[in-house]
């Protein structure tokens, strides 16, 4: 299994990353992607990934960190790191009152412009999207960016079927977290049935969103991805082993061959 989205530079994991990755490997998690939230964090994230063989990184500015300093040269340097496999997470968040929507949009527009410019120079990467209560606003922005829709993954999907259809019509992939395991998330499990199997991913979003068997505990950890995989298989009435294999192939195809497990073969 691959945890496609966690935040191992957060204070919750200070001095514990080796232990956390070992615990994840013990239950079959062969790779993790630590996602950055600011341009400075992008450098820390890629540096951390460089210390661990099966840890990878992203480079980007989270919308809830839009009020932090943005140094696009830092983001570019992080993106050039050999362990950086994606841009992001980027997007819009209408759940929280701050940062103000106008500032979130300003940072998003600048980030997309830089990503497009870097792509023209040959630095092309998939993009991790944060979208909370903002699908009608954000999807048209992404569509207008000129970036192919299949280069986006909407992480931590918790929207409704209308939101899902907008993301799927864009051509994006969809990633589910521990929210899928919550007893009250019946509509989300119904939405999970509608995603094409080749556009599915799973993640922990550690240290947040501990899945139901360990809900309420913090930090959530990559090892808990097993609960999310099981919940997704149950929701889709799928064989767990076959689904895990498909999820691995999806993540490798999306983020790159570096994430291929040593025992995986090309399909």
Protein backbone atom coordinates (compact mmCIF):
# COMPACT_ATOMS: atom_id res chain seq x y z
CA UNK A 1 0.00 0.00 0.00
CA UNK A 2 0.95 3.64 -0.52
CA UNK A 3 -0.06 6.48 1.78
CA UNK A 4 -0.38 9.15 -0.89
CA UNK A 5 -0.83 12.06 1.52
CA UNK A 6 0.59 12.65 4.98
CA UNK A 7 2.41 15.49 6.73
CA UNK A 8 5.50 14.06 8.36
CA UNK A 9 7.17 17.45 8.89
CA UNK A 10 4.46 18.38 11.41
CA UNK A 11 5.58 18.64 15.07
CA UNK A 12 3.60 15.47 15.89
CA UNK A 13 6.32 13.43 14.18
CA UNK A 14 9.39 15.33 15.35
CA UNK A 15 12.16 12.82 16.02
CA UNK A 16 9.83 9.92 15.20
CA UNK A 17 9.79 9.67 11.42
CA UNK A 18 11.99 6.57 11.24
CA UNK A 19 9.79 4.85 13.82
CA UNK A 20 6.57 5.93 12.05
CA UNK A 21 7.75 4.67 8.67
CA UNK A 22 8.90 1.38 10.20
CA UNK A 23 5.48 0.86 11.81
CA UNK A 24 3.84 1.56 8.46
CA UNK A 25 6.13 -0.84 6.63
CA UNK A 26 5.27 -3.53 9.19
CA UNK A 27 1.63 -3.52 8.01
CA UNK A 28 2.51 -3.34 4.31
CA UNK A 29 2.82 0.39 3.57
CA UNK A 30 5.84 0.45 1.28
CA UNK A 31 5.78 4.17 0.34
CA UNK A 32 4.50 7.48 1.72
CA UNK A 33 4.27 10.98 0.28
CA UNK A 34 4.77 13.81 2.75
CA UNK A 35 2.87 16.85 1.52
CA UNK A 36 4.09 20.41 2.05
CA UNK A 37 2.00 23.36 3.24
CA UNK A 38 4.31 26.34 2.58
CA UNK A 39 7.28 27.01 0.34
CA UNK A 40 9.62 26.78 3.34
CA UNK A 41 7.96 23.51 4.35
CA UNK A 42 8.50 22.23 0.79
CA UNK A 43 12.25 22.45 1.36
CA UNK A 44 11.93 20.69 4.73
CA UNK A 45 9.72 18.01 3.21
CA UNK A 46 12.08 17.23 0.35
CA UNK A 47 15.03 17.22 2.74
CA UNK A 48 13.20 14.72 4.96
CA UNK A 49 12.32 12.55 1.97
CA UNK A 50 15.97 12.49 1.01
CA UNK A 51 16.75 10.76 4.31
CA UNK A 52 14.34 7.84 3.81
CA UNK A 53 14.34 5.48 0.85
CA UNK A 54 10.56 5.05 0.57
CA UNK A 55 9.48 8.56 1.55
CA UNK A 56 8.58 11.08 -1.15
CA UNK A 57 7.51 14.71 -1.08
CA UNK A 58 5.49 17.49 -2.68
CA UNK A 59 6.07 21.23 -3.04
CA UNK A 60 3.26 23.72 -2.68
CA UNK A 61 1.24 26.18 -0.61
CA UNK A 62 -1.89 24.99 1.22
CA UNK A 63 -4.75 27.52 1.02
CA UNK A 64 -4.93 27.72 4.83
CA UNK A 65 -1.28 28.80 4.81
CA UNK A 66 -1.78 31.47 2.15
CA UNK A 67 -0.96 34.14 4.73
CA UNK A 68 2.52 32.71 5.30
CA UNK A 69 5.55 33.95 3.33
CA UNK A 70 5.63 32.57 -0.23
CA UNK A 71 9.00 32.28 -1.92
CA UNK A 72 8.37 30.78 -5.34
CA UNK A 73 12.09 30.23 -5.85
CA UNK A 74 11.98 27.97 -2.77
CA UNK A 75 9.11 26.03 -4.27
CA UNK A 76 10.98 25.67 -7.55
CA UNK A 77 14.09 24.38 -5.75
CA UNK A 78 12.00 21.86 -3.82
CA UNK A 79 10.30 20.78 -7.03
CA UNK A 80 13.67 20.01 -8.59
CA UNK A 81 14.55 17.60 -5.77
CA UNK A 82 14.64 13.98 -7.04
CA UNK A 83 12.26 12.85 -4.28
CA UNK A 84 9.62 15.51 -5.08
CA UNK A 85 6.81 13.78 -6.98
CA UNK A 86 4.04 16.42 -7.01
CA UNK A 87 3.04 20.06 -6.67
CA UNK A 88 0.68 21.05 -3.88
CA UNK A 89 -1.31 20.82 -1.92
CA UNK A 90 -3.00 23.85 -3.41
CA UNK A 91 -6.58 25.01 -3.73
CA UNK A 92 -9.33 26.83 -1.85
CA UNK A 93 -10.93 26.33 1.56
CA UNK A 94 -14.28 27.96 2.37
CA UNK A 95 -14.73 26.13 5.66
CA UNK A 96 -12.45 28.40 7.66
CA UNK A 97 -12.78 32.19 7.92
CA UNK A 98 -9.08 32.84 7.48
CA UNK A 99 -7.03 33.32 5.43
CA UNK A 100 -9.47 35.53 3.58
CA UNK A 101 -10.81 34.12 0.28
CA UNK A 102 -9.19 36.90 -1.73
CA UNK A 103 -5.76 36.03 -0.37
CA UNK A 104 -6.31 32.32 -0.95
CA UNK A 105 -7.25 33.09 -4.56
CA UNK A 106 -4.24 35.35 -5.05
CA UNK A 107 -1.85 32.63 -3.87
CA UNK A 108 -3.65 29.97 -5.90
CA UNK A 109 -3.45 32.01 -9.09
CA UNK A 110 0.25 32.73 -8.57
CA UNK A 111 0.96 29.09 -7.79
CA UNK A 112 -0.83 27.81 -10.88
CA UNK A 113 0.94 30.40 -13.04
CA UNK A 114 4.33 29.27 -11.77
CA UNK A 115 3.47 25.59 -12.21
CA UNK A 116 2.43 26.26 -15.81
CA UNK A 117 5.62 28.23 -16.48
CA UNK A 118 7.78 25.49 -14.98
CA UNK A 119 5.94 22.88 -17.05
CA UNK A 120 6.88 24.79 -20.20
CA UNK A 121 10.49 24.47 -19.04
CA UNK A 122 10.06 20.72 -18.66
CA UNK A 123 9.36 20.49 -14.91
CA UNK A 124 6.02 18.66 -15.11
CA UNK A 125 4.43 17.09 -12.03
CA UNK A 126 0.96 15.98 -10.93
CA UNK A 127 -0.92 18.29 -8.59
CA UNK A 128 -2.49 17.59 -5.20
CA UNK A 129 -5.66 19.64 -4.68
CA UNK A 130 -7.22 20.83 -1.42
CA UNK A 131 -10.87 21.69 -1.95
CA UNK A 132 -13.24 22.22 0.95
CA UNK A 133 -16.69 23.64 0.28
CA UNK A 134 -15.29 25.22 -2.88
CA UNK A 135 -15.87 22.82 -5.79
CA UNK A 136 -18.09 25.15 -7.82
CA UNK A 137 -15.48 27.86 -7.46
CA UNK A 138 -12.27 25.86 -7.77
CA UNK A 139 -12.97 23.36 -10.55
CA UNK A 140 -13.50 26.07 -13.21
CA UNK A 141 -10.24 27.74 -12.12
CA UNK A 142 -8.34 24.49 -12.55
CA UNK A 143 -10.03 23.82 -15.89
CA UNK A 144 -9.08 27.30 -17.13
CA UNK A 145 -5.44 26.88 -16.08
CA UNK A 146 -4.62 24.84 -19.17
CA UNK A 147 -3.26 22.01 -17.02
CA UNK A 148 -4.68 18.64 -18.16
CA UNK A 149 -7.39 17.51 -15.78
CA UNK A 150 -5.84 14.09 -15.30
CA UNK A 151 -2.88 15.72 -13.55
CA UNK A 152 -5.04 16.65 -10.53
CA UNK A 153 -6.02 14.56 -7.53
CA UNK A 154 -8.62 15.89 -5.11
CA UNK A 155 -7.24 14.79 -1.78
CA UNK A 156 -9.38 14.09 1.31
CA UNK A 157 -12.59 14.06 -0.71
CA UNK A 158 -15.58 14.72 1.56
CA UNK A 159 -17.96 16.34 -0.92
CA UNK A 160 -21.30 15.18 -2.24
CA UNK A 161 -22.08 13.49 -5.55
CA UNK A 162 -22.41 16.85 -7.32
CA UNK A 163 -18.92 17.79 -6.17
CA UNK A 164 -17.67 14.37 -7.21
CA UNK A 165 -19.13 14.70 -10.69
CA UNK A 166 -17.42 18.08 -11.18
CA UNK A 167 -14.04 16.63 -10.19
CA UNK A 168 -14.51 13.54 -12.34
CA UNK A 169 -15.68 15.57 -15.33
CA UNK A 170 -12.46 17.58 -15.02
CA UNK A 171 -10.61 14.28 -15.42
CA UNK A 172 -9.17 14.24 -11.91
CA UNK A 173 -8.47 11.39 -9.51
CA UNK A 174 -10.13 11.15 -6.09
CA UNK A 175 -8.45 10.28 -2.80
CA UNK A 176 -10.22 9.17 0.38
CA UNK A 177 -9.14 9.45 4.02
CA UNK A 178 -10.23 8.02 7.35
CA UNK A 179 -13.47 10.00 7.07
CA UNK A 180 -14.62 7.11 4.87
CA UNK A 181 -14.60 4.88 7.98
CA UNK A 182 -16.81 7.13 10.12
CA UNK A 183 -20.28 5.67 10.86
CA UNK A 184 -21.99 8.89 9.77
CA UNK A 185 -20.23 9.01 6.39
CA UNK A 186 -22.81 6.96 4.49
CA UNK A 187 -23.09 9.49 1.64
CA UNK A 188 -19.33 9.54 1.26
CA UNK A 189 -19.20 5.75 1.02
CA UNK A 190 -21.92 5.94 -1.63
CA UNK A 191 -19.83 8.48 -3.54
CA UNK A 192 -16.81 6.17 -3.29
CA UNK A 193 -18.73 3.60 -5.28
CA UNK A 194 -19.05 6.02 -8.21
CA UNK A 195 -15.36 6.74 -8.78
CA UNK A 196 -13.82 4.81 -11.69
CA UNK A 197 -11.52 2.22 -10.20
CA UNK A 198 -8.50 3.54 -12.10
CA UNK A 199 -8.92 7.01 -10.53
CA UNK A 200 -9.05 5.96 -6.89
CA UNK A 201 -6.42 6.66 -4.23
CA UNK A 202 -6.25 6.49 -0.45
CA UNK A 203 -4.38 8.50 2.16
CA UNK A 204 -4.20 9.11 5.89
CA UNK A 205 -3.70 12.90 5.88
CA UNK A 206 -1.66 12.22 9.02
CA UNK A 207 -1.56 13.60 11.66
CA UNK A 208 -5.25 14.38 11.10
CA UNK A 209 -8.40 12.28 10.60
CA UNK A 210 -7.62 9.09 12.47
CA UNK A 211 -9.93 6.36 11.08
CA UNK A 212 -12.72 4.84 13.11
CA UNK A 213 -10.84 2.05 14.91
CA UNK A 214 -8.46 4.65 16.37
CA UNK A 215 -10.68 7.72 16.01
CA UNK A 216 -9.98 10.44 18.50
CA UNK A 217 -6.31 9.57 18.82
CA UNK A 218 -3.58 11.85 17.53
CA UNK A 219 -1.41 11.71 15.67
CA UNK A 220 -2.91 9.65 12.93
CA UNK A 221 -0.13 7.68 11.21
CA UNK A 222 0.53 6.12 7.79
CA UNK A 223 0.11 2.64 9.30
CA UNK A 224 -3.61 3.36 9.68
CA UNK A 225 -4.07 3.35 5.89
CA UNK A 226 -5.09 -0.31 6.30
CA UNK A 227 -8.40 0.75 7.85
CA UNK A 228 -9.15 3.09 4.95
CA UNK A 229 -8.38 0.43 2.36
CA UNK A 230 -10.68 -1.99 4.16
CA UNK A 231 -13.49 0.57 4.33
CA UNK A 232 -13.12 1.38 0.64
CA UNK A 233 -13.20 -2.29 -0.31
CA UNK A 234 -16.35 -2.78 1.78
CA UNK A 235 -18.05 0.28 0.27
CA UNK A 236 -17.29 -0.90 -3.26
CA UNK A 237 -17.93 -4.58 -2.50
CA UNK A 238 -14.45 -5.30 -3.83
CA UNK A 239 -11.82 -7.87 -3.00
CA UNK A 240 -9.37 -6.12 -0.67
CA UNK A 241 -6.21 -7.64 -2.13
CA UNK A 242 -7.26 -6.85 -5.69
CA UNK A 243 -8.27 -3.32 -4.71
CA UNK A 244 -4.94 -2.70 -2.95
CA UNK A 245 -3.12 -3.80 -6.08
CA UNK A 246 -5.23 -1.42 -8.18
CA UNK A 247 -4.65 1.46 -5.74
CA UNK A 248 -0.91 0.88 -5.95
CA UNK A 249 -1.01 0.92 -9.75
CA UNK A 250 -3.09 4.11 -9.72
CA UNK A 251 -0.64 5.90 -7.42
CA UNK A 252 2.38 4.76 -9.42
CA UNK A 253 0.79 5.87 -12.68
CA UNK A 254 -0.15 9.25 -11.20
CA UNK A 255 2.92 10.12 -9.12
CA UNK A 256 5.57 8.21 -11.05
CA UNK A 257 7.55 5.00 -11.23
CA UNK A 258 9.63 5.92 -8.19
CA UNK A 259 6.71 4.84 -6.01
CA UNK A 260 6.59 1.36 -7.47
CA UNK A 261 7.15 -1.19 -4.73
CA UNK A 262 10.19 -3.46 -5.16
CA UNK A 263 7.85 -6.45 -5.64
CA UNK A 264 5.52 -4.75 -8.13
CA UNK A 265 5.79 -5.56 -11.83
CA UNK A 266 4.70 -3.47 -14.77
CA UNK A 267 1.09 -4.26 -15.75
